[in-house]
C-alpha atoms as a PDB file:
ATOM      1  CA  MET A   1     122.405 121.952  90.936  1.00  0.00           C
ATOM      2  CA  SER A   2     122.646 118.422  92.296  1.00  0.00           C
ATOM      3  CA  ARG A   3     125.505 116.088  91.488  1.00  0.00           C
ATOM      4  CA  TYR A   4     125.242 112.300  91.389  1.00  0.00           C
ATOM      5  CA  THR A   5     127.731 109.446  91.322  1.00  0.00           C
ATOM      6  CA  VAL A   6     127.350 106.657  88.782  1.00  0.00           C
ATOM      7  CA  LYS A   7     125.925 104.375  91.478  1.00  0.00           C
ATOM      8  CA  GLN A   8     123.323 106.972  92.400  1.00  0.00           C
ATOM      9  CA  VAL A   9     122.371 107.428  88.743  1.00  0.00           C
ATOM     10  CA  ALA A  10     122.091 103.664  88.366  1.00  0.00           C
ATOM     11  CA  ALA A  11     119.658 103.601  91.289  1.00  0.00           C
ATOM     12  CA  LEU A  12     117.633 106.490  89.832  1.00  0.00           C
ATOM     13  CA  THR A  13     117.413 105.111  86.296  1.00  0.00           C
ATOM     14  CA  GLY A  14     117.414 101.361  86.881  1.00  0.00           C
ATOM     15  CA  VAL A  15     120.376 101.015  84.504  1.00  0.00           C
ATOM     16  CA  SER A  16     123.570  99.273  85.588  1.00  0.00           C
ATOM     17  CA  PRO A  17     126.757 101.359  85.934  1.00  0.00           C
ATOM     18  CA  ALA A  18     128.391  99.298  83.177  1.00  0.00           C
ATOM     19  CA  THR A  19     125.568 100.097  80.761  1.00  0.00           C
ATOM     20  CA  LEU A  20     125.620 103.784  81.709  1.00  0.00           C
ATOM     21  CA  ARG A  21     129.325 103.941  80.920  1.00  0.00           C
ATOM     22  CA  ALA A  22     128.762 102.092  77.639  1.00  0.00           C
ATOM     23  CA  TRP A  23     126.054 104.577  76.572  1.00  0.00           C
ATOM     24  CA  GLU A  24     128.396 107.445  77.388  1.00  0.00           C
ATOM     25  CA  ARG A  25     131.288 105.889  75.489  1.00  0.00           C
ATOM     26  CA  ARG A  26     129.401 104.662  72.400  1.00  0.00           C
ATOM     27  CA  TYR A  27     126.728 107.302  71.951  1.00  0.00           C
ATOM     28  CA  THR A  28     127.925 110.370  73.936  1.00  0.00           C
ATOM     29  CA  VAL A  29     124.458 110.638  75.466  1.00  0.00           C
ATOM     30  CA  VAL A  30     125.983 112.509  78.405  1.00  0.00           C
ATOM     31  CA  GLU A  31     129.372 114.024  79.207  1.00  0.00           C
ATOM     32  CA  PRO A  32     129.615 113.958  83.001  1.00  0.00           C
ATOM     33  CA  GLU A  33     132.096 116.040  84.910  1.00  0.00           C
ATOM     34  CA  ARG A  34     135.124 114.353  86.425  1.00  0.00           C
ATOM     35  CA  THR A  35     136.479 114.858  89.900  1.00  0.00           C
ATOM     36  CA  ALA A  36     140.183 115.185  90.568  1.00  0.00           C
ATOM     37  CA  SER A  37     140.149 111.442  91.185  1.00  0.00           C
ATOM     38  CA  LYS A  38     138.506 110.854  87.765  1.00  0.00           C
ATOM     39  CA  TYR A  39     135.140 109.826  89.226  1.00  0.00           C
ATOM     40  CA  ARG A  40     132.093 110.717  87.143  1.00  0.00           C
ATOM     41  CA  LEU A  41     129.616 113.292  88.459  1.00  0.00           C
ATOM     42  CA  TYR A  42     126.247 113.641  86.731  1.00  0.00           C
ATOM     43  CA  ASP A  43     123.870 116.610  86.945  1.00  0.00           C
ATOM     44  CA  ASP A  44     120.056 116.664  86.761  1.00  0.00           C
ATOM     45  CA  ALA A  45     120.060 117.072  82.979  1.00  0.00           C
ATOM     46  CA  ASP A  46     122.332 114.029  82.614  1.00  0.00           C
ATOM     47  CA  VAL A  47     119.965 111.969  84.749  1.00  0.00           C
ATOM     48  CA  ALA A  48     116.992 113.155  82.689  1.00  0.00           C
ATOM     49  CA  ARG A  49     118.667 112.111  79.440  1.00  0.00           C
ATOM     50  CA  LEU A  50     119.735 108.735  80.792  1.00  0.00           C
ATOM     51  CA  SER A  51     116.268 108.092  82.230  1.00  0.00           C
ATOM     52  CA  ARG A  52     114.701 108.855  78.862  1.00  0.00           C
ATOM     53  CA  MET A  53     117.210 106.587  77.130  1.00  0.00           C
ATOM     54  CA  ALA A  54     116.353 103.795  79.566  1.00  0.00           C
ATOM     55  CA  GLU A  55     112.625 104.233  78.896  1.00  0.00           C
ATOM     56  CA  LEU A  56     113.121 104.021  75.137  1.00  0.00           C
ATOM     57  CA  VAL A  57     115.396 100.979  75.281  1.00  0.00           C
ATOM     58  CA  ALA A  58     113.063  99.171  77.687  1.00  0.00           C
ATOM     59  CA  GLY A  59     110.279  99.849  75.192  1.00  0.00           C
ATOM     60  CA  GLY A  60     112.180  98.031  72.460  1.00  0.00           C
ATOM     61  CA  THR A  61     113.892 100.960  70.702  1.00  0.00           C
ATOM     62  CA  PRO A  62     117.449 100.039  69.605  1.00  0.00           C
ATOM     63  CA  ALA A  63     120.028 101.842  71.728  1.00  0.00           C
ATOM     64  CA  SER A  64     121.469 103.666  68.714  1.00  0.00           C
ATOM     65  CA  LEU A  65     118.074 105.151  67.784  1.00  0.00           C
ATOM     66  CA  ALA A  66     117.254 105.906  71.412  1.00  0.00           C
ATOM     67  CA  ALA A  67     120.531 107.808  71.715  1.00  0.00           C
ATOM     68  CA  GLU A  68     119.707 109.863  68.615  1.00  0.00           C
ATOM     69  CA  GLU A  69     116.329 110.839  70.059  1.00  0.00           C
ATOM     70  CA  VAL A  70     117.739 111.699  73.471  1.00  0.00           C
ATOM     71  CA  THR A  71     120.529 113.758  71.922  1.00  0.00           C
ATOM     72  CA  ARG A  72     118.046 115.582  69.711  1.00  0.00           C
ATOM     73  CA  ASP A  73     115.866 116.434  72.724  1.00  0.00           C
ATOM     74  CA  ALA A  74     118.799 117.270  75.014  1.00  0.00           C
ATOM     75  CA  PRO A  75     118.073 121.032  75.281  1.00  0.00           C
ATOM     76  CA  LEU A  76     114.492 120.398  76.344  1.00  0.00           C
ATOM     77  CA  LEU A  77     115.506 117.719  78.820  1.00  0.00           C
ATOM     78  CA  ALA A  78     118.129 120.036  80.277  1.00  0.00           C
ATOM     79  CA  ALA A  79     115.582 122.815  80.722  1.00  0.00           C
ATOM     80  CA  ASP A  80     113.077 120.438  82.227  1.00  0.00           C
ATOM     81  CA  GLY A  81     115.496 118.922  84.729  1.00  0.00           C
ATOM     82  CA  THR A  82     113.248 116.020  85.727  1.00  0.00           C
ATOM     83  CA  THR A  83     114.865 112.675  86.312  1.00  0.00           C
ATOM     84  CA  GLY A  84     112.280 110.745  84.395  1.00  0.00           C
ATOM     85  CA  GLY A  85     111.898 113.015  81.420  1.00  0.00           C
ATOM     86  CA  ALA A  86     108.117 112.972  81.921  1.00  0.00           C
ATOM     87  CA  ALA A  87     107.653 116.733  81.872  1.00  0.00           C
ATOM     88  CA  ALA A  88     109.794 117.005  78.769  1.00  0.00           C
ATOM     89  CA  ALA A  89     107.639 114.476  76.993  1.00  0.00           C
ATOM     90  CA  SER A  90     104.548 116.335  78.145  1.00  0.00           C
ATOM     91  CA  ALA A  91     105.831 119.727  77.033  1.00  0.00           C
ATOM     92  CA  LYS A  92     107.004 118.725  73.603  1.00  0.00           C
ATOM     93  CA  GLY A  93     105.535 115.300  73.096  1.00  0.00           C
ATOM     94  CA  THR A  94     107.720 112.290  72.426  1.00  0.00           C
ATOM     95  CA  PRO A  95     108.368 112.024  68.694  1.00  0.00           C
ATOM     96  CA  PRO A  96     105.685 109.624  67.478  1.00  0.00           C
ATOM     97  CA  LEU A  97     106.601 106.090  66.602  1.00  0.00           C
ATOM     98  CA  ALA A  98     106.553 105.353  62.912  1.00  0.00           C
ATOM     99  CA  PRO A  99     103.174 104.087  61.710  1.00  0.00           C
ATOM    100  CA  LEU A 100     102.790 100.348  61.208  1.00  0.00           C
ATOM    101  CA  ALA A 101     102.738 100.929  57.454  1.00  0.00           C
ATOM    102  CA  ASP A 102     106.367 102.064  57.712  1.00  0.00           C
ATOM    103  CA  ARG A 103     107.515  98.684  58.935  1.00  0.00           C
ATOM    104  CA  PRO A 104     109.783  96.869  56.494  1.00  0.00           C
ATOM    105  CA  ALA A 105     108.151  94.144  54.432  1.00  0.00           C
ATOM    106  CA  ASP A 106     108.486  90.628  55.839  1.00  0.00           C
ATOM    107  CA  ASP A 107     110.601  89.579  52.859  1.00  0.00           C
ATOM    108  CA  GLN A 108     113.081  92.405  53.462  1.00  0.00           C
ATOM    109  CA  LEU A 109     114.680  90.234  56.130  1.00  0.00           C
ATOM    110  CA  VAL A 110     114.995  87.473  53.530  1.00  0.00           C
ATOM    111  CA  ALA A 111     116.714  89.916  51.180  1.00  0.00           C
ATOM    112  CA  ALA A 112     119.204  90.830  53.907  1.00  0.00           C
ATOM    113  CA  ALA A 113     119.886  87.146  54.532  1.00  0.00           C
ATOM    114  CA  GLN A 114     120.388  86.400  50.835  1.00  0.00           C
ATOM    115  CA  SER A 115     122.784  89.298  50.366  1.00  0.00           C
ATOM    116  CA  LEU A 116     124.618  88.817  53.675  1.00  0.00           C
ATOM    117  CA  ASP A 117     124.530  92.599  53.843  1.00  0.00           C
ATOM    118  CA  PRO A 118     125.041  93.842  57.424  1.00  0.00           C
ATOM    119  CA  VAL A 119     124.004  97.392  56.553  1.00  0.00           C
ATOM    120  CA  LEU A 120     120.691  96.239  55.072  1.00  0.00           C
ATOM    121  CA  LEU A 121     120.148  93.871  57.983  1.00  0.00           C
ATOM    122  CA  ASP A 122     120.776  96.521  60.639  1.00  0.00           C
ATOM    123  CA  ARG A 123     118.659  99.057  58.784  1.00  0.00           C
ATOM    124  CA  THR A 124     115.794  96.576  58.481  1.00  0.00           C
ATOM    125  CA  LEU A 125     115.874  95.705  62.176  1.00  0.00           C
ATOM    126  CA  ASP A 126     116.282  99.342  63.230  1.00  0.00           C
ATOM    127  CA  GLN A 127     113.322 100.337  61.074  1.00  0.00           C
ATOM    128  CA  ALA A 128     111.161  97.529  62.410  1.00  0.00           C
ATOM    129  CA  PHE A 129     111.883  98.104  66.092  1.00  0.00           C
ATOM    130  CA  ALA A 130     111.277 101.841  65.735  1.00  0.00           C
ATOM    131  CA  THR A 131     107.658 101.334  64.646  1.00  0.00           C
ATOM    132  CA  GLY A 132     106.114 100.302  67.950  1.00  0.00           C
ATOM    133  CA  SER A 133     106.595  98.709  71.326  1.00  0.00           C
ATOM    134  CA  PHE A 134     108.637  95.550  71.661  1.00  0.00           C
ATOM    135  CA  GLU A 135     105.433  93.523  71.884  1.00  0.00           C
ATOM    136  CA  GLN A 136     103.898  95.115  68.790  1.00  0.00           C
ATOM    137  CA  VAL A 137     106.998  94.489  66.725  1.00  0.00           C
ATOM    138  CA  VAL A 138     107.447  90.893  67.897  1.00  0.00           C
ATOM    139  CA  ASP A 139     103.917  89.787  67.046  1.00  0.00           C
ATOM    140  CA  GLY A 140     103.249  92.162  64.171  1.00  0.00           C
ATOM    141  CA  TRP A 141     106.516  91.894  62.254  1.00  0.00           C
ATOM    142  CA  LEU A 142     109.325  89.787  63.710  1.00  0.00           C
ATOM    143  CA  MET A 143     107.568  86.425  63.977  1.00  0.00           C
ATOM    144  CA  PRO A 144     106.053  86.674  60.463  1.00  0.00           C
ATOM    145  CA  ALA A 145     109.413  87.798  59.062  1.00  0.00           C
ATOM    146  CA  LEU A 146     111.201  84.853  60.688  1.00  0.00           C
ATOM    147  CA  THR A 147     108.567  82.544  59.222  1.00  0.00           C
ATOM    148  CA  GLN A 148     109.491  83.904  55.797  1.00  0.00           C
ATOM    149  CA  ILE A 149     113.137  83.131  56.556  1.00  0.00           C
ATOM    150  CA  GLY A 150     112.167  79.523  57.265  1.00  0.00           C
ATOM    151  CA  VAL A 151     110.090  79.282  54.102  1.00  0.00           C
ATOM    152  CA  ALA A 152     112.939  80.684  52.006  1.00  0.00           C
ATOM    153  CA  TRP A 153     115.310  78.105  53.471  1.00  0.00           C
ATOM    154  CA  THR A 154     112.970  75.155  52.836  1.00  0.00           C
ATOM    155  CA  GLN A 155     112.427  76.342  49.250  1.00  0.00           C
ATOM    156  CA  GLY A 156     116.153  76.525  48.626  1.00  0.00           C
ATOM    157  CA  ARG A 157     116.138  80.306  48.182  1.00  0.00           C
ATOM    158  CA  LEU A 158     118.305  80.823  51.258  1.00  0.00           C
ATOM    159  CA  ASP A 159     121.533  79.183  52.338  1.00  0.00           C
ATOM    160  CA  VAL A 160     122.228  78.097  55.907  1.00  0.00           C
ATOM    161  CA  ALA A 161     124.811  80.869  56.185  1.00  0.00           C
ATOM    162  CA  GLY A 162     122.191  83.507  55.399  1.00  0.00           C
ATOM    163  CA  GLU A 163     119.761  82.040  57.914  1.00  0.00           C
ATOM    164  CA  HIS A 164     122.437  82.042  60.607  1.00  0.00           C
ATOM    165  CA  PHE A 165     123.485  85.568  59.630  1.00  0.00           C
ATOM    166  CA  VAL A 166     119.982  86.890  60.310  1.00  0.00           C
ATOM    167  CA  SER A 167     119.340  84.684  63.336  1.00  0.00           C
ATOM    168  CA  GLY A 168     122.495  85.929  65.025  1.00  0.00           C
ATOM    169  CA  ALA A 169     121.519  89.565  64.556  1.00  0.00           C
ATOM    170  CA  VAL A 170     117.959  88.996  65.760  1.00  0.00           C
ATOM    171  CA  HIS A 171     119.241  87.062  68.758  1.00  0.00           C
ATOM    172  CA  ARG A 172     121.474  89.976  69.731  1.00  0.00           C
ATOM    173  CA  ARG A 173     118.518  92.377  69.539  1.00  0.00           C
ATOM    174  CA  LEU A 174     116.321  90.120  71.636  1.00  0.00           C
ATOM    175  CA  ALA A 175     119.052  89.467  74.196  1.00  0.00           C
ATOM    176  CA  HIS A 176     119.603  93.209  74.551  1.00  0.00           C
ATOM    177  CA  SER A 177     115.886  93.784  75.096  1.00  0.00           C
ATOM    178  CA  PHE A 178     115.821  90.959  77.642  1.00  0.00           C
ATOM    179  CA  GLU A 179     118.631  92.567  79.620  1.00  0.00           C
ATOM    180  CA  ALA A 180     117.076  96.026  79.307  1.00  0.00           C
ATOM    181  CA  ALA A 181     113.860  94.727  80.857  1.00  0.00           C
ATOM    182  CA  GLY A 182     115.734  94.280  84.142  1.00  0.00           C
ATOM    183  CA  GLY A 183     115.322  91.779  86.958  1.00  0.00           C
ATOM    184  CA  ARG A 184     112.265  91.545  89.176  1.00  0.00           C
ATOM    185  CA  ALA A 185     113.321  90.448  92.663  1.00  0.00           C
ATOM    186  CA  GLY A 186     110.422  88.998  94.606  1.00  0.00           C
ATOM    187  CA  ALA A 187     108.280  88.411  91.513  1.00  0.00           C
ATOM    188  CA  PRO A 188     107.040  84.964  90.449  1.00  0.00           C
ATOM    189  CA  VAL A 189     109.954  82.917  89.123  1.00  0.00           C
ATOM    190  CA  VAL A 190     109.599  81.372  85.671  1.00  0.00           C
ATOM    191  CA  VAL A 191     112.239  79.147  84.082  1.00  0.00           C
ATOM    192  CA  VAL A 192     112.226  79.265  80.274  1.00  0.00           C
ATOM    193  CA  GLY A 193     114.246  77.240  77.803  1.00  0.00           C
ATOM    194  CA  LEU A 194     114.397  74.535  75.173  1.00  0.00           C
ATOM    195  CA  PRO A 195     114.641  70.752  75.568  1.00  0.00           C
ATOM    196  CA  PRO A 196     117.743  68.744  74.644  1.00  0.00           C
ATOM    197  CA  GLY A 197     118.542  68.850  70.948  1.00  0.00           C
ATOM    198  CA  SER A 198     116.405  71.936  70.302  1.00  0.00           C
ATOM    199  CA  PHE A 199     118.249  74.990  69.012  1.00  0.00           C
ATOM    200  CA  HIS A 200     115.651  77.307  67.443  1.00  0.00           C
ATOM    201  CA  GLN A 201     115.484  79.790  70.284  1.00  0.00           C
ATOM    202  CA  LEU A 202     114.387  83.127  68.804  1.00  0.00           C
ATOM    203  CA  ALA A 203     110.679  82.736  69.531  1.00  0.00           C
ATOM    204  CA  VAL A 204     111.270  81.407  73.041  1.00  0.00           C
ATOM    205  CA  LEU A 205     113.735  84.223  73.796  1.00  0.00           C
ATOM    206  CA  ALA A 206     111.170  86.752  72.547  1.00  0.00           C
ATOM    207  CA  PHE A 207     108.611  85.086  74.822  1.00  0.00           C
ATOM    208  CA  ALA A 208     111.001  85.255  77.785  1.00  0.00           C
ATOM    209  CA  THR A 209     111.601  88.943  77.091  1.00  0.00           C
ATOM    210  CA  VAL A 210     107.892  89.778  76.967  1.00  0.00           C
ATOM    211  CA  LEU A 211     107.381  87.790  80.164  1.00  0.00           C
ATOM    212  CA  ARG A 212     110.178  89.716  81.874  1.00  0.00           C
ATOM    213  CA  ARG A 213     108.655  92.988  80.693  1.00  0.00           C
ATOM    214  CA  GLN A 214     105.421  91.807  82.316  1.00  0.00           C
ATOM    215  CA  GLY A 215     107.185  91.819  85.677  1.00  0.00           C
ATOM    216  CA  MET A 216     108.161  88.169  86.004  1.00  0.00           C
ATOM    217  CA  ASP A 217     111.491  86.987  87.396  1.00  0.00           C
ATOM    218  CA  VAL A 218     112.568  85.043  84.307  1.00  0.00           C
ATOM    219  CA  ARG A 219     115.483  82.613  84.358  1.00  0.00           C
ATOM    220  CA  TYR A 220     116.278  81.983  80.687  1.00  0.00           C
ATOM    221  CA  LEU A 221     118.243  78.770  80.105  1.00  0.00           C
ATOM    222  CA  GLY A 222     118.531  78.941  76.318  1.00  0.00           C
ATOM    223  CA  PRO A 223     118.727  76.062  73.829  1.00  0.00           C
ATOM    224  CA  ASP A 224     119.594  72.378  74.177  1.00  0.00           C
ATOM    225  CA  VAL A 225     119.086  72.005  77.932  1.00  0.00           C
ATOM    226  CA  PRO A 226     119.515  68.368  79.067  1.00  0.00           C
ATOM    227  CA  THR A 227     116.615  66.807  80.928  1.00  0.00           C
ATOM    228  CA  ASP A 228     118.646  66.242  84.089  1.00  0.00           C
ATOM    229  CA  SER A 229     119.646  69.923  84.039  1.00  0.00           C
ATOM    230  CA  TRP A 230     115.978  70.897  83.909  1.00  0.00           C
ATOM    231  CA  VAL A 231     115.344  68.690  86.929  1.00  0.00           C
ATOM    232  CA  ARG A 232     118.268  70.108  88.900  1.00  0.00           C
ATOM    233  CA  THR A 233     117.236  73.676  88.065  1.00  0.00           C
ATOM    234  CA  VAL A 234     113.681  73.131  89.244  1.00  0.00           C
ATOM    235  CA  THR A 235     114.900  71.425  92.408  1.00  0.00           C
ATOM    236  CA  GLN A 236     117.228  74.334  93.141  1.00  0.00           C
ATOM    237  CA  LEU A 237     114.965  77.263  92.252  1.00  0.00           C
ATOM    238  CA  ARG A 238     111.505  75.881  93.023  1.00  0.00           C
ATOM    239  CA  PRO A 239     110.020  78.172  90.350  1.00  0.00           C
ATOM    240  CA  ASP A 240     106.379  79.117  90.078  1.00  0.00           C
ATOM    241  CA  ALA A 241     106.334  77.782  86.529  1.00  0.00           C
ATOM    242  CA  VAL A 242     108.490  76.254  83.818  1.00  0.00           C
ATOM    243  CA  VAL A 243     108.039  76.957  80.116  1.00  0.00           C
ATOM    244  CA  VAL A 244     109.524  74.449  77.680  1.00  0.00           C
ATOM    245  CA  GLY A 245     109.693  75.601  74.068  1.00  0.00           C
ATOM    246  CA  VAL A 246     108.671  73.163  71.337  1.00  0.00           C
ATOM    247  CA  PRO A 247     109.443  75.025  68.103  1.00  0.00           C
ATOM    248  CA  THR A 248     109.359  72.060  65.679  1.00  0.00           C
ATOM    249  CA  THR A 249     108.000  68.523  65.475  1.00  0.00           C
ATOM    250  CA  LEU A 250     111.583  67.296  65.834  1.00  0.00           C
ATOM    251  CA  ASP A 251     111.496  68.644  69.400  1.00  0.00           C
ATOM    252  CA  VAL A 252     108.344  66.808  70.500  1.00  0.00           C
ATOM    253  CA  ASP A 253     110.017  63.705  71.940  1.00  0.00           C
ATOM    254  CA  SER A 254     112.618  65.598  73.958  1.00  0.00           C
ATOM    255  CA  ALA A 255     110.027  68.094  75.201  1.00  0.00           C
ATOM    256  CA  THR A 256     107.806  65.190  76.253  1.00  0.00           C
ATOM    257  CA  GLU A 257     110.724  63.739  78.196  1.00  0.00           C
ATOM    258  CA  VAL A 258     111.390  67.028  79.993  1.00  0.00           C
ATOM    259  CA  ALA A 259     107.725  67.602  80.818  1.00  0.00           C
ATOM    260  CA  ALA A 260     107.394  64.080  82.194  1.00  0.00           C
ATOM    261  CA  ALA A 261     110.535  64.478  84.313  1.00  0.00           C
ATOM    262  CA  LEU A 262     109.178  67.698  85.849  1.00  0.00           C
ATOM    263  CA  ARG A 263     105.672  66.402  86.468  1.00  0.00           C
ATOM    264  CA  GLY A 264     104.562  67.188  90.002  1.00  0.00           C
ATOM    265  CA  ALA A 265     107.578  69.377  90.764  1.00  0.00           C
ATOM    266  CA  THR A 266     106.152  72.617  89.372  1.00  0.00           C
ATOM    267  CA  SER A 267     103.651  73.992  86.880  1.00  0.00           C
ATOM    268  CA  VAL A 268     104.851  72.907  83.434  1.00  0.00           C
ATOM    269  CA  MET A 269     103.883  74.911  80.347  1.00  0.00           C
ATOM    270  CA  LEU A 270     104.611  74.057  76.730  1.00  0.00           C
ATOM    271  CA  GLY A 271     104.844  76.711  74.040  1.00  0.00           C
ATOM    272  CA  GLY A 272     105.755  76.884  70.392  1.00  0.00           C
ATOM    273  CA  ALA A 273     104.493  75.729  67.024  1.00  0.00           C
ATOM    274  CA  ALA A 274     104.660  72.027  67.928  1.00  0.00           C
ATOM    275  CA  ALA A 275     103.582  72.254  71.571  1.00  0.00           C
ATOM    276  CA  SER A 276     100.175  70.693  70.931  1.00  0.00           C
ATOM    277  CA  ALA A 277     101.884  67.517  69.700  1.00  0.00           C
ATOM    278  CA  VAL A 278     103.312  66.854  73.172  1.00  0.00           C
ATOM    279  CA  HIS A 279     101.033  64.576  75.139  1.00  0.00           C
ATOM    280  CA  THR A 280     102.120  64.611  78.763  1.00  0.00           C
ATOM    281  CA  VAL A 281      99.781  64.447  81.726  1.00  0.00           C
ATOM    282  CA  GLY A 282      99.977  67.565  83.872  1.00  0.00           C
ATOM    283  CA  ALA A 283     101.510  69.891  81.277  1.00  0.00           C
ATOM    284  CA  SER A 284      99.562  72.852  79.896  1.00  0.00           C
ATOM    285  CA  ILE A 285      99.732  74.327  76.405  1.00  0.00           C
ATOM    286  CA  LEU A 286     100.336  78.061  76.019  1.00  0.00           C
ATOM    287  CA  ALA A 287      98.094  79.011  73.117  1.00  0.00           C
ATOM    288  CA  GLY A 288      98.172  82.135  71.001  1.00  0.00           C
ATOM    289  CA  SER A 289     100.958  84.382  69.829  1.00  0.00           C
ATOM    290  CA  VAL A 290     104.265  84.946  71.601  1.00  0.00           C
ATOM    291  CA  VAL A 291     102.936  88.083  73.280  1.00  0.00           C
ATOM    292  CA  ASP A 292      99.483  86.726  74.102  1.00  0.00           C
ATOM    293  CA  SER A 293     100.860  83.557  75.686  1.00  0.00           C
ATOM    294  CA  ALA A 294     103.338  85.545  77.800  1.00  0.00           C
ATOM    295  CA  ARG A 295     100.620  87.901  78.971  1.00  0.00           C
ATOM    296  CA  THR A 296      98.309  84.999  79.787  1.00  0.00           C
ATOM    297  CA  LEU A 297     100.957  83.294  81.905  1.00  0.00           C
ATOM    298  CA  SER A 298     101.834  86.568  83.620  1.00  0.00           C
ATOM    299  CA  ALA A 299      98.194  87.218  84.489  1.00  0.00           C
ATOM    300  CA  THR A 300      97.841  83.686  85.841  1.00  0.00           C
ATOM    301  CA  LEU A 301     100.904  83.959  88.066  1.00  0.00           C
ATOM    302  CA  HIS A 302      99.902  87.411  89.255  1.00  0.00           C
ATOM    303  CA  GLY A 303      96.550  85.957  90.250  1.00  0.00           C
ATOM    304  CA  SER A 304      94.592  88.168  87.862  1.00  0.00           C
END
């Protein structure tokens, strides 16, 4: 039976050594042998389990649920011995994703925010992200649920603390999925972020994650990026495109400023609920849902 070092397993699975060690420590997905010098040695079954875990996480499944599935299927994966887990899935069939009807109601996220209940919040997010691919959950549940959070806040049914409580948890999920998607060296480079003074980043981070999963080399800048920083970034990276998020009407002026400053330097795209209110020559509007707009941009940059 073959033996692999952690670096070799990282190359086989596409998962960083640090993440592999974290999965071992937190979820006991594998228990590699140790050499006399305490170095980890993985066998074929370990690689199969870690490959399957990587596939599930990249597909949007929370790591905790992915670990449960991999652990449950461990005997089959060990017997199969393939590094990708493909034959195991073929022999037994991957446990089906929960039907869309099993997704939590949109207002369940509001209930978690109102109660400040971390158990309810985690359970709601786990349930939602187990019902389909990352893209299906983002468009079919997450964006509508976040809209309900905003409505509850404007109606006075939700305090700022509750909104931040939920936003922080969702941000952590999205950031994890973004990292799990992995880098794409040599792919078209897209810079994504928000203009100065804009802080509502969940939709734009979801967009950046979908775009990365489409094979783009995404450089995510996050919220509140000064105009001169946008200019310096574009000058340094010479990206194939820039996407400036415009989530609210309060962001229109700053987004207009950024788009105007980048005019002629690269392809400038505007996305978000208030993007159509930005009137800048040379900038294009990304229409449609988070997923549709990311796929459209990806197809354009791939030359499809």
